[in-house]
């Protein structure tokens, strides 16, 4: 497909890199000459310097012949106007990044009136992810599939945990639960396990099942943590607004520390149920005074990765039960994990995953089982993809044990109606099922691709 990306910032460059690797014809427009030159030197994409709302620039980029235009500059207005102009040129589909909370309630109207195929709010998606973790504090990360019927949670297995030394095939029988460990991160190694793999201390495990089944396992293996009632957030970003709004609606006490007075006033007016403190959240004395030693959770949400990392390390030293760190650059992801940080959130990665899911679904024929949802995890080395079986393919109604599934692919779960199935060899795929696949062989474009 021909795809035009407007904006070569962190999100734009990440999307362009991945789409080019997946074989798409990618054109990037940006009015920043330095960014365009850097992108041209590092990626196999066509780069055009210029204003994306210019008719001539869009014509030069071939917007009228494009299958998709993705506008992800720092300006919501430029994104929306450039998409509107792209539709006038003849672009088949358009996606705009819209971040301003003032537009939040208007997104459906904006999407319809401007003919957008998708409107993405990275900050809102990041806030959703963080709130899920705070509602299930035993997990380092929580992702949902199949309308919430399947959850994928990350846990760390500490020394002395009952799972240490246990093979995966024994877990369900021992604890009387139906869960599947779909991946293990052990140091730098990433394993898509079989039933014979044995868990070790310090393993990061990724567990798939229904929320209730995972919750039962967590209680049985002594990973359960008390419910979070109080949260301190440092930094008054857009994510902070969306996150605080969700947390107070769930009955949590939220305190926001922000050193910009104008932001404090705006947040205090928008979030009357939260406490907003005008102070420097990177000052140790301020954190002590505001009760970091007594809070259940700490979220580092400033605009600087370095500050967020240092604050999170400090919160861990103060024995805050749950610590969440927002980072923009994930270059040192494994190093951050080695520092003992609980949960690392990258809004640009969440946004890129959402757009890639959409592109992969576009790329398939109407009869194929398309990617409905996509998650990349373990430093983007693994993918979890959700499919809905909408055709009577050769793999339907055949026991999984009789199907030849390629190495590196794992059927993590099947959802049939409201029932979540952790598949065994005798289970079959049926028309209408939702299936979650975990793989290290990406990109996975359709469900048929997992079978030999």
Protein backbone atom coordinates (compact mmCIF):
# COMPACT_ATOMS: atom_id res chain seq x y z
CA UNK A 1 0.00 0.00 0.00
CA UNK A 2 1.00 3.61 -0.46
CA UNK A 3 0.96 5.40 2.90
CA UNK A 4 1.68 9.08 3.54
CA UNK A 5 2.75 10.08 7.05
CA UNK A 6 2.51 13.72 8.07
CA UNK A 7 4.97 14.51 10.86
CA UNK A 8 8.35 12.88 11.47
CA UNK A 9 8.47 13.19 15.24
CA UNK A 10 8.74 10.27 17.67
CA UNK A 11 5.42 8.71 16.67
CA UNK A 12 5.74 9.44 12.94
CA UNK A 13 9.27 8.07 12.66
CA UNK A 14 8.36 4.91 14.60
CA UNK A 15 5.35 4.24 12.38
CA UNK A 16 7.24 4.95 9.16
CA UNK A 17 10.05 2.59 10.16
CA UNK A 18 7.70 -0.30 10.94
CA UNK A 19 5.51 0.19 7.86
CA UNK A 20 8.56 0.35 5.59
CA UNK A 21 9.86 -2.89 7.13
CA UNK A 22 6.48 -4.49 6.38
CA UNK A 23 6.89 -3.64 2.69
CA UNK A 24 4.68 -0.58 2.28
CA UNK A 25 5.48 2.39 0.02
CA UNK A 26 5.93 5.14 2.64
CA UNK A 27 6.16 8.92 2.10
CA UNK A 28 6.86 11.27 5.03
CA UNK A 29 6.07 15.02 5.03
CA UNK A 30 7.54 17.42 7.58
CA UNK A 31 8.51 21.11 7.52
CA UNK A 32 11.55 20.50 9.77
CA UNK A 33 14.54 20.08 7.45
CA UNK A 34 16.76 18.52 10.13
CA UNK A 35 14.19 15.82 10.98
CA UNK A 36 13.56 15.05 7.32
CA UNK A 37 17.29 14.70 6.61
CA UNK A 38 17.77 12.40 9.60
CA UNK A 39 14.83 10.23 8.57
CA UNK A 40 16.04 10.06 4.97
CA UNK A 41 19.46 8.85 6.13
CA UNK A 42 18.09 6.17 8.48
CA UNK A 43 14.95 4.77 6.86
CA UNK A 44 13.96 3.43 3.45
CA UNK A 45 11.18 5.97 2.93
CA UNK A 46 10.59 8.95 0.64
CA UNK A 47 10.91 12.25 2.52
CA UNK A 48 9.40 15.60 1.52
CA UNK A 49 10.15 18.87 3.30
CA UNK A 50 7.18 21.22 3.41
CA UNK A 51 3.92 22.28 5.00
CA UNK A 52 1.43 19.39 5.06
CA UNK A 53 -1.56 21.74 4.72
CA UNK A 54 -0.16 23.04 1.44
CA UNK A 55 -2.01 21.78 -1.64
CA UNK A 56 1.23 21.67 -3.66
CA UNK A 57 3.12 19.72 -0.99
CA UNK A 58 0.38 17.10 -0.72
CA UNK A 59 0.26 16.84 -4.50
CA UNK A 60 4.04 16.33 -4.61
CA UNK A 61 3.68 13.54 -2.02
CA UNK A 62 1.07 11.81 -4.14
CA UNK A 63 -1.59 12.05 -1.46
CA UNK A 64 -4.36 11.66 -4.04
CA UNK A 65 -3.10 8.18 -4.97
CA UNK A 66 -2.49 7.04 -1.38
CA UNK A 67 -4.32 4.24 0.37
CA UNK A 68 -3.85 5.88 3.77
CA UNK A 69 -2.75 9.24 5.21
CA UNK A 70 -1.60 9.36 8.84
CA UNK A 71 -1.31 12.82 10.41
CA UNK A 72 0.65 12.76 13.67
CA UNK A 73 2.27 16.19 14.08
CA UNK A 74 2.27 17.97 17.46
CA UNK A 75 -0.65 20.14 16.33
CA UNK A 76 -4.17 18.70 16.45
CA UNK A 77 -5.39 21.42 14.12
CA UNK A 78 -2.74 20.69 11.47
CA UNK A 79 -3.51 16.98 11.73
CA UNK A 80 -7.23 17.51 11.18
CA UNK A 81 -6.87 20.07 8.40
CA UNK A 82 -4.24 18.05 6.54
CA UNK A 83 -6.50 14.98 6.69
CA UNK A 84 -9.44 17.01 5.40
CA UNK A 85 -7.29 18.28 2.51
CA UNK A 86 -6.03 14.74 1.85
CA UNK A 87 -9.62 13.51 1.48
CA UNK A 88 -10.23 16.31 -1.02
CA UNK A 89 -7.17 15.14 -2.94
CA UNK A 90 -8.62 11.62 -3.11
CA UNK A 91 -6.89 9.73 -0.29
CA UNK A 92 -8.86 6.60 0.49
CA UNK A 93 -8.47 6.69 4.29
CA UNK A 94 -7.12 9.13 6.88
CA UNK A 95 -6.01 8.88 10.51
CA UNK A 96 -5.44 11.94 12.73
CA UNK A 97 -3.76 12.15 16.10
CA UNK A 98 -5.97 14.36 18.29
CA UNK A 99 -4.59 14.97 21.77
CA UNK A 100 -6.22 18.07 23.27
CA UNK A 101 -8.69 17.22 26.07
CA UNK A 102 -10.92 20.04 24.79
CA UNK A 103 -11.60 17.93 21.70
CA UNK A 104 -12.22 14.73 23.68
CA UNK A 105 -16.03 14.91 23.79
CA UNK A 106 -16.13 16.12 20.19
CA UNK A 107 -14.07 13.29 18.68
CA UNK A 108 -17.05 11.37 17.20
CA UNK A 109 -18.35 14.58 15.59
CA UNK A 110 -14.87 15.56 14.31
CA UNK A 111 -14.31 12.07 12.92
CA UNK A 112 -17.61 12.04 11.03
CA UNK A 113 -17.50 15.61 9.75
CA UNK A 114 -13.92 15.35 8.49
CA UNK A 115 -14.30 11.89 7.08
CA UNK A 116 -11.56 10.45 9.31
CA UNK A 117 -11.17 6.70 9.34
CA UNK A 118 -9.71 6.92 12.85
CA UNK A 119 -8.97 9.58 15.45
CA UNK A 120 -6.27 8.58 17.93
CA UNK A 121 -5.61 10.08 21.34
CA UNK A 122 -2.28 8.62 22.61
CA UNK A 123 -2.58 10.20 26.04
CA UNK A 124 -6.04 8.77 26.60
CA UNK A 125 -4.86 5.29 25.54
CA UNK A 126 -1.86 5.53 27.88
CA UNK A 127 -4.14 6.61 30.73
CA UNK A 128 -6.38 3.61 30.07
CA UNK A 129 -3.39 1.27 30.27
CA UNK A 130 -2.09 2.84 33.50
CA UNK A 131 -5.52 2.76 35.14
CA UNK A 132 -5.86 -0.98 34.36
CA UNK A 133 -2.53 -1.63 36.11
CA UNK A 134 -3.58 0.40 39.14
CA UNK A 135 -6.83 -1.53 39.35
CA UNK A 136 -4.81 -4.81 39.28
CA UNK A 137 -1.63 -3.80 41.15
CA UNK A 138 -0.10 -7.30 41.26
CA UNK A 139 0.60 -7.03 37.52
CA UNK A 140 3.38 -5.04 35.86
CA UNK A 141 1.24 -4.59 32.76
CA UNK A 142 -2.35 -5.37 31.78
CA UNK A 143 -3.72 -5.60 28.24
CA UNK A 144 -7.18 -6.72 27.20
CA UNK A 145 -8.46 -8.50 24.10
CA UNK A 146 -11.79 -9.74 22.76
CA UNK A 147 -13.83 -6.99 24.36
CA UNK A 148 -12.22 -7.55 27.76
CA UNK A 149 -12.90 -11.31 27.82
CA UNK A 150 -9.17 -12.07 27.62
CA UNK A 151 -6.45 -10.32 29.58
CA UNK A 152 -2.69 -10.56 29.14
CA UNK A 153 -0.84 -9.73 32.35
CA UNK A 154 2.85 -9.56 33.19
CA UNK A 155 4.14 -10.74 36.56
CA UNK A 156 7.59 -11.18 38.09
CA UNK A 157 8.24 -14.46 39.90
CA UNK A 158 10.25 -13.77 43.05
CA UNK A 159 12.48 -16.25 44.88
CA UNK A 160 10.33 -18.44 47.11
CA UNK A 161 7.20 -18.12 44.99
CA UNK A 162 5.28 -21.42 44.65
CA UNK A 163 5.72 -21.29 40.85
CA UNK A 164 9.53 -21.49 41.05
CA UNK A 165 10.66 -24.93 39.87
CA UNK A 166 7.20 -25.83 38.54
CA UNK A 167 6.61 -26.89 34.92
CA UNK A 168 3.92 -25.06 33.01
CA UNK A 169 1.86 -28.23 32.45
CA UNK A 170 1.47 -28.64 36.22
CA UNK A 171 0.20 -25.13 36.99
CA UNK A 172 -3.49 -25.55 36.04
CA UNK A 173 -3.78 -28.90 37.84
CA UNK A 174 -1.97 -27.69 40.98
CA UNK A 175 -3.92 -24.44 41.38
CA UNK A 176 -7.18 -25.49 39.70
CA UNK A 177 -7.18 -22.56 37.29
CA UNK A 178 -7.40 -22.22 33.52
CA UNK A 179 -4.56 -19.92 32.49
CA UNK A 180 -1.80 -20.05 29.90
CA UNK A 181 1.71 -18.65 30.28
CA UNK A 182 2.30 -17.43 26.73
CA UNK A 183 5.80 -15.98 27.16
CA UNK A 184 8.71 -15.98 29.58
CA UNK A 185 11.41 -13.31 29.73
CA UNK A 186 14.50 -14.69 31.44
CA UNK A 187 17.30 -12.14 31.45
CA UNK A 188 17.84 -11.20 27.80
CA UNK A 189 16.15 -14.38 26.53
CA UNK A 190 12.52 -14.45 25.43
CA UNK A 191 10.80 -17.84 25.38
CA UNK A 192 7.49 -18.91 23.86
CA UNK A 193 7.16 -21.88 26.21
CA UNK A 194 5.88 -25.42 25.99
CA UNK A 195 4.29 -27.36 28.82
CA UNK A 196 7.69 -28.81 29.73
CA UNK A 197 9.36 -25.45 30.47
CA UNK A 198 10.13 -24.90 34.16
CA UNK A 199 9.80 -21.48 35.81
CA UNK A 200 12.72 -19.87 37.60
CA UNK A 201 13.07 -17.05 40.11
CA UNK A 202 13.09 -13.55 38.56
CA UNK A 203 11.27 -14.74 35.43
CA UNK A 204 8.88 -12.23 33.87
CA UNK A 205 5.85 -14.28 32.87
CA UNK A 206 2.98 -13.22 30.60
CA UNK A 207 -0.29 -14.91 31.54
CA UNK A 208 -3.41 -15.04 29.34
CA UNK A 209 -6.91 -15.90 30.52
CA UNK A 210 -10.08 -14.28 31.83
CA UNK A 211 -9.73 -11.66 34.57
CA UNK A 212 -11.35 -13.97 37.14
CA UNK A 213 -9.02 -16.90 36.41
CA UNK A 214 -5.88 -14.74 36.60
CA UNK A 215 -7.11 -13.18 39.82
CA UNK A 216 -7.56 -16.67 41.31
CA UNK A 217 -4.01 -17.65 40.31
CA UNK A 218 -2.57 -14.45 41.77
CA UNK A 219 -4.19 -15.17 45.14
CA UNK A 220 -3.06 -18.80 45.13
CA UNK A 221 0.60 -17.98 44.43
CA UNK A 222 0.85 -15.14 46.97
CA UNK A 223 1.19 -12.32 44.42
CA UNK A 224 -1.96 -10.58 45.60
CA UNK A 225 -1.51 -6.94 46.58
CA UNK A 226 -3.90 -4.75 48.53
CA UNK A 227 -6.24 -2.52 46.56
CA UNK A 228 -4.76 0.86 45.67
CA UNK A 229 -6.57 3.69 47.39
CA UNK A 230 -4.18 6.65 47.05
CA UNK A 231 -2.05 7.79 44.10
CA UNK A 232 0.54 10.55 43.71
CA UNK A 233 1.15 11.78 40.15
CA UNK A 234 4.11 14.05 39.41
CA UNK A 235 3.59 16.11 36.27
CA UNK A 236 0.46 17.77 34.96
CA UNK A 237 0.45 16.38 31.43
CA UNK A 238 -2.52 15.46 29.25
CA UNK A 239 -2.11 11.85 30.39
CA UNK A 240 -2.39 13.06 33.97
CA UNK A 241 -5.74 14.66 33.21
CA UNK A 242 -7.21 11.53 31.64
CA UNK A 243 -5.67 9.25 34.27
CA UNK A 244 -6.78 11.28 37.27
CA UNK A 245 -10.29 11.49 35.85
CA UNK A 246 -10.47 7.69 35.67
CA UNK A 247 -8.92 7.11 39.08
CA UNK A 248 -11.23 9.46 41.01
CA UNK A 249 -14.21 7.84 39.27
CA UNK A 250 -12.97 4.54 40.74
CA UNK A 251 -12.88 6.00 44.24
CA UNK A 252 -9.15 6.58 44.54
CA UNK A 253 -7.59 9.59 46.25
CA UNK A 254 -5.44 11.42 43.70
CA UNK A 255 -2.78 14.05 44.36
CA UNK A 256 -1.11 15.83 41.40
CA UNK A 257 2.17 17.72 41.87
CA UNK A 258 2.99 20.21 39.10
CA UNK A 259 5.45 23.14 39.07
CA UNK A 260 3.65 25.16 36.37
CA UNK A 261 1.09 27.42 37.99
CA UNK A 262 -1.13 27.75 34.92
CA UNK A 263 -1.31 23.98 34.50
CA UNK A 264 -2.23 23.65 38.19
CA UNK A 265 -5.12 26.08 37.78
CA UNK A 266 -6.38 24.27 34.67
CA UNK A 267 -6.16 20.84 36.32
CA UNK A 268 -7.79 22.05 39.55
CA UNK A 269 -10.72 23.43 37.58
CA UNK A 270 -11.07 20.31 35.42
CA UNK A 271 -10.58 17.84 38.29
CA UNK A 272 -12.31 19.21 41.41
CA UNK A 273 -12.16 15.81 43.14
CA UNK A 274 -8.35 15.61 42.86
CA UNK A 275 -5.84 17.54 44.98
CA UNK A 276 -3.53 19.67 42.83
CA UNK A 277 -0.30 20.92 44.45
CA UNK A 278 1.79 23.72 42.90
CA UNK A 279 5.33 22.56 43.71
CA UNK A 280 8.45 20.97 42.23
CA UNK A 281 7.75 17.24 42.20
CA UNK A 282 11.44 16.47 41.63
CA UNK A 283 12.30 17.97 45.05
CA UNK A 284 12.73 15.26 47.68
CA UNK A 285 11.42 17.52 50.46
CA UNK A 286 8.25 18.21 48.49
CA UNK A 287 7.66 14.50 47.92
CA UNK A 288 8.16 13.73 51.61
CA UNK A 289 5.88 16.58 52.63
CA UNK A 290 3.17 15.43 50.21
CA UNK A 291 3.23 11.90 51.62
CA UNK A 292 5.23 9.69 49.27
CA UNK A 293 5.98 7.40 52.21
CA UNK A 294 2.29 6.69 52.72
CA UNK A 295 0.87 6.50 49.20
CA UNK A 296 -0.18 3.23 47.58
CA UNK A 297 1.01 4.20 44.11
CA UNK A 298 3.35 6.70 42.46
CA UNK A 299 3.19 7.74 38.79
CA UNK A 300 6.09 9.70 37.23
CA UNK A 301 4.54 11.72 34.43
CA UNK A 302 6.84 14.70 33.76
CA UNK A 303 7.97 15.62 30.25
CA UNK A 304 11.53 14.37 30.85
CA UNK A 305 12.36 10.66 30.78
CA UNK A 306 15.41 11.16 32.98
CA UNK A 307 13.37 12.85 35.70
CA UNK A 308 10.68 10.17 35.53
CA UNK A 309 13.26 7.41 35.89
CA UNK A 310 15.01 9.05 38.86
CA UNK A 311 11.70 9.78 40.59
CA UNK A 312 10.57 6.20 40.09
CA UNK A 313 13.81 4.81 41.53
CA UNK A 314 13.38 7.11 44.51
CA UNK A 315 9.76 5.97 44.99
CA UNK A 316 10.94 2.34 44.94
CA UNK A 317 13.55 3.17 47.60
CA UNK A 318 10.75 4.66 49.68
CA UNK A 319 8.94 1.30 49.30
CA UNK A 320 5.92 2.67 47.45
CA UNK A 321 3.92 -0.52 46.62
CA UNK A 322 3.25 0.39 42.97
CA UNK A 323 5.43 2.60 40.75
CA UNK A 324 4.64 3.54 37.12
CA UNK A 325 7.08 5.35 34.84
CA UNK A 326 6.25 7.18 31.62
CA UNK A 327 9.07 7.20 29.07
CA UNK A 328 9.21 8.52 25.53
CA UNK A 329 12.35 6.71 24.37
CA UNK A 330 12.45 2.95 24.89
CA UNK A 331 16.06 2.53 23.72
CA UNK A 332 17.16 1.37 27.16
CA UNK A 333 14.05 -0.68 27.95
CA UNK A 334 15.93 -3.69 29.34
CA UNK A 335 18.20 -1.44 31.41
CA UNK A 336 15.12 0.19 32.95
CA UNK A 337 13.72 -3.23 33.85
CA UNK A 338 17.01 -4.12 35.53
CA UNK A 339 16.61 -1.03 37.72
CA UNK A 340 13.57 -2.73 39.25
CA UNK A 341 10.95 -0.39 37.80
CA UNK A 342 7.48 -1.96 37.95
CA UNK A 343 5.62 -0.64 34.94
CA UNK A 344 7.02 1.34 32.01
CA UNK A 345 4.55 3.13 29.73
CA UNK A 346 5.33 4.59 26.30
CA UNK A 347 2.46 6.53 24.66
CA UNK A 348 4.20 6.52 21.27
CA UNK A 349 4.44 2.72 21.29
CA UNK A 350 0.75 2.40 22.19
CA UNK A 351 -0.15 4.75 19.32
CA UNK A 352 2.07 2.98 16.82
CA UNK A 353 0.55 -0.40 17.73
CA UNK A 354 -2.95 0.96 17.19
CA UNK A 355 -2.10 2.34 13.76
CA UNK A 356 -0.22 -0.81 12.72
CA UNK A 357 -3.25 -2.91 13.65
CA UNK A 358 -5.41 -0.74 11.43
CA UNK A 359 -2.96 -0.94 8.52
CA UNK A 360 -2.70 -4.73 8.74
CA UNK A 361 -6.49 -5.05 8.75
CA UNK A 362 -6.64 -2.82 5.63
CA UNK A 363 -4.03 -4.93 3.89
CA UNK A 364 -6.08 -8.12 3.83
CA UNK A 365 -8.77 -9.33 1.47
CA UNK A 366 -12.43 -9.26 2.62
CA UNK A 367 -12.43 -13.05 3.07
CA UNK A 368 -9.38 -13.22 5.36
CA UNK A 369 -9.38 -13.28 9.16
CA UNK A 370 -8.00 -9.81 9.82
CA UNK A 371 -6.04 -8.44 12.76
CA UNK A 372 -8.60 -6.94 15.14
CA UNK A 373 -6.17 -5.91 17.85
CA UNK A 374 -2.39 -5.83 18.15
CA UNK A 375 0.05 -5.62 21.04
CA UNK A 376 3.84 -5.70 20.91
CA UNK A 377 5.55 -6.54 24.20
CA UNK A 378 8.83 -7.69 25.77
CA UNK A 379 10.79 -4.84 24.19
CA UNK A 380 8.67 -5.30 21.03
CA UNK A 381 10.14 -8.75 20.43
CA UNK A 382 6.77 -10.50 20.71
CA UNK A 383 3.35 -9.75 19.28
CA UNK A 384 -0.11 -10.70 20.50
CA UNK A 385 -2.67 -10.42 17.72
CA UNK A 386 -6.44 -10.87 17.93
CA UNK A 387 -8.45 -12.33 15.05
CA UNK A 388 -12.14 -13.06 14.45
CA UNK A 389 -12.76 -16.15 12.32
CA UNK A 390 -15.15 -14.96 9.61
CA UNK A 391 -14.71 -17.63 6.97
CA UNK A 392 -14.81 -21.41 6.80
CA UNK A 393 -11.08 -21.94 6.37
CA UNK A 394 -9.26 -25.25 6.34
CA UNK A 395 -8.34 -24.90 10.03
CA UNK A 396 -11.95 -24.63 11.30
CA UNK A 397 -13.52 -27.56 13.20
CA UNK A 398 -10.23 -29.48 13.39
CA UNK A 399 -8.66 -30.32 16.80
CA UNK A 400 -5.60 -28.14 17.42
CA UNK A 401 -3.48 -31.26 17.99
CA UNK A 402 -4.17 -32.26 14.36
CA UNK A 403 -3.25 -28.87 12.90
CA UNK A 404 0.33 -28.13 11.93
CA UNK A 405 1.10 -24.85 13.69
CA UNK A 406 4.38 -23.24 12.68
CA UNK A 407 7.18 -22.90 15.20
CA UNK A 408 7.09 -19.62 17.09
CA UNK A 409 3.27 -19.35 17.13
CA UNK A 410 1.05 -20.05 20.13
CA UNK A 411 -2.77 -20.08 20.31
CA UNK A 412 -3.16 -18.19 23.58
CA UNK A 413 -6.94 -18.15 23.95
CA UNK A 414 -10.25 -18.65 22.18
CA UNK A 415 -13.36 -16.63 22.99
CA UNK A 416 -16.68 -18.18 21.99
CA UNK A 417 -19.59 -15.96 22.93
CA UNK A 418 -18.94 -14.98 26.55
CA UNK A 419 -16.79 -18.05 27.23
CA UNK A 420 -13.00 -17.79 27.40
CA UNK A 421 -11.23 -21.03 26.47
CA UNK A 422 -7.60 -21.79 27.31
CA UNK A 423 -7.01 -24.16 24.41
CA UNK A 424 -5.83 -27.73 24.68
CA UNK A 425 -5.10 -30.23 21.94
CA UNK A 426 -8.74 -31.36 21.65
CA UNK A 427 -10.18 -27.85 21.25
CA UNK A 428 -11.23 -26.63 17.81
CA UNK A 429 -11.61 -23.25 16.14
CA UNK A 430 -15.15 -22.35 15.07
CA UNK A 431 -16.68 -19.75 12.80
CA UNK A 432 -17.22 -16.55 14.82
CA UNK A 433 -14.54 -17.35 17.42
CA UNK A 434 -12.14 -14.66 18.57
CA UNK A 435 -8.59 -16.03 18.71
CA UNK A 436 -5.50 -14.49 20.34
CA UNK A 437 -2.15 -15.55 18.88
CA UNK A 438 1.27 -14.86 20.44
CA UNK A 439 4.34 -14.99 18.21
CA UNK A 440 7.92 -13.90 17.75
CA UNK A 441 7.48 -14.19 13.96
CA UNK A 442 6.04 -10.77 13.13
CA UNK A 443 4.42 -9.22 11.23
CA UNK A 444 1.49 -11.63 11.47
CA UNK A 445 -1.01 -10.46 8.88
CA UNK A 446 -3.74 -13.10 9.02
CA UNK A 447 -4.66 -16.18 11.02
CA UNK A 448 -3.88 -18.57 8.16
CA UNK A 449 -0.25 -17.50 8.47
CA UNK A 450 0.28 -19.57 11.63
CA UNK A 451 -0.43 -22.88 9.91
CA UNK A 452 1.93 -24.89 7.70
